[in-house]
Amino acid sequence: MERTKVQISDVVYNAGTQCFEALVTVASHTKTAKYPCAIEAPISMSFEQAARGLETQALRRHKAGKTMHSQMRHHVANTRAGRPSFDPRAWLAQLGFGPLNRAA
């Protein structure tokens, strides 16, 4: 029998959509996943009923394997075509500021 642990974070009521919304984390022995859940309900619904509905929705998604995915890829900047790297000392010397290694 698989034991799952459910954690509901920051339950809010969205008056515009008339929904209770939360980020629900479901952890089982094989994986941990987070699900953004929302249930349509009046604001007068008790917190326990809203939490139960959000938990049920997250567990259904967990069983179906519908998780959120994000991936960070390393970005390598393109080199500037045909241009050497910028040397600020050489640039200032070209502008006429003279030798820059003397103390003031």
Foldseek 3Di string as FASTA:
>chain_A
DKDKDKDWPDWDQDPVQQKTWTWMWIDIPVDIAIDTDIDHDHPPDDPVVNVVVRVVVVVVCVVVVPGDDDDDDDDDDDDDPPDDDDDVQVVVVVVPPPHDPDDD
